[in-house]
Amino acid sequence: MRDDLSLEAAYRMHGSAVFRRARQLLGHDADAYEVVQDVFLSLFEKPDQFQGKSGIMTFLYSATTHACLNRIRNQKNRERLQSEQISAESLAPRPRLSPEQTAILHRVIQALPDDVCQAAVYSAVDGMTHQEIAELMNCSRRHVGDLLSRAASWAAGNEVPPC
């Protein structure tokens, strides 16, 4: 940005116009506020992008339009990818934990090492198989079995051996 026009002054003078443009394109205040923040943050991080060939409002109008269009495109791509990844199996309702199981799970989360805790949550809450947990945690199924045995031993009142 030019020396005679600080970022703060640009925000004060044109922030509301940038917001109106973003809201017009996106339709939501929350998304528009994020775009305003993104546009001015980008200008703060890379001030050379405004070269002074046009007025600051022209630059901000263009930057806001591009940011909004990118946001819309990214949202459509995100929705498409999510719909491709969702399978009937992942939509099946998982059994809910009983209050007793939830209390035990909370004790496990607070007391056990991270890897034991993760395996217990994946198994009890998410209903994952040993194979799924092993893939997610990047370990063997046998190791998952050991982790779940440690969690079960602790939940039964037995001391859990250290890692």
Foldseek 3Di string as FASTA:
>chain_A
DDPVADLVNCCVVCVVVLLVLLCVLQVDNVRSVVLSVVLSVVCVVCVVVCVPPDDPNVVSSVSSVVSSVVVVVVVVVVVVVVVVPDDPVQVDDDDDDDPVRVVLLVVCCVPDDPVLNQLCCCCPPVVDQLVVSCVVVVHDSVVSVVSPVLSVCVSVPHHRDDD
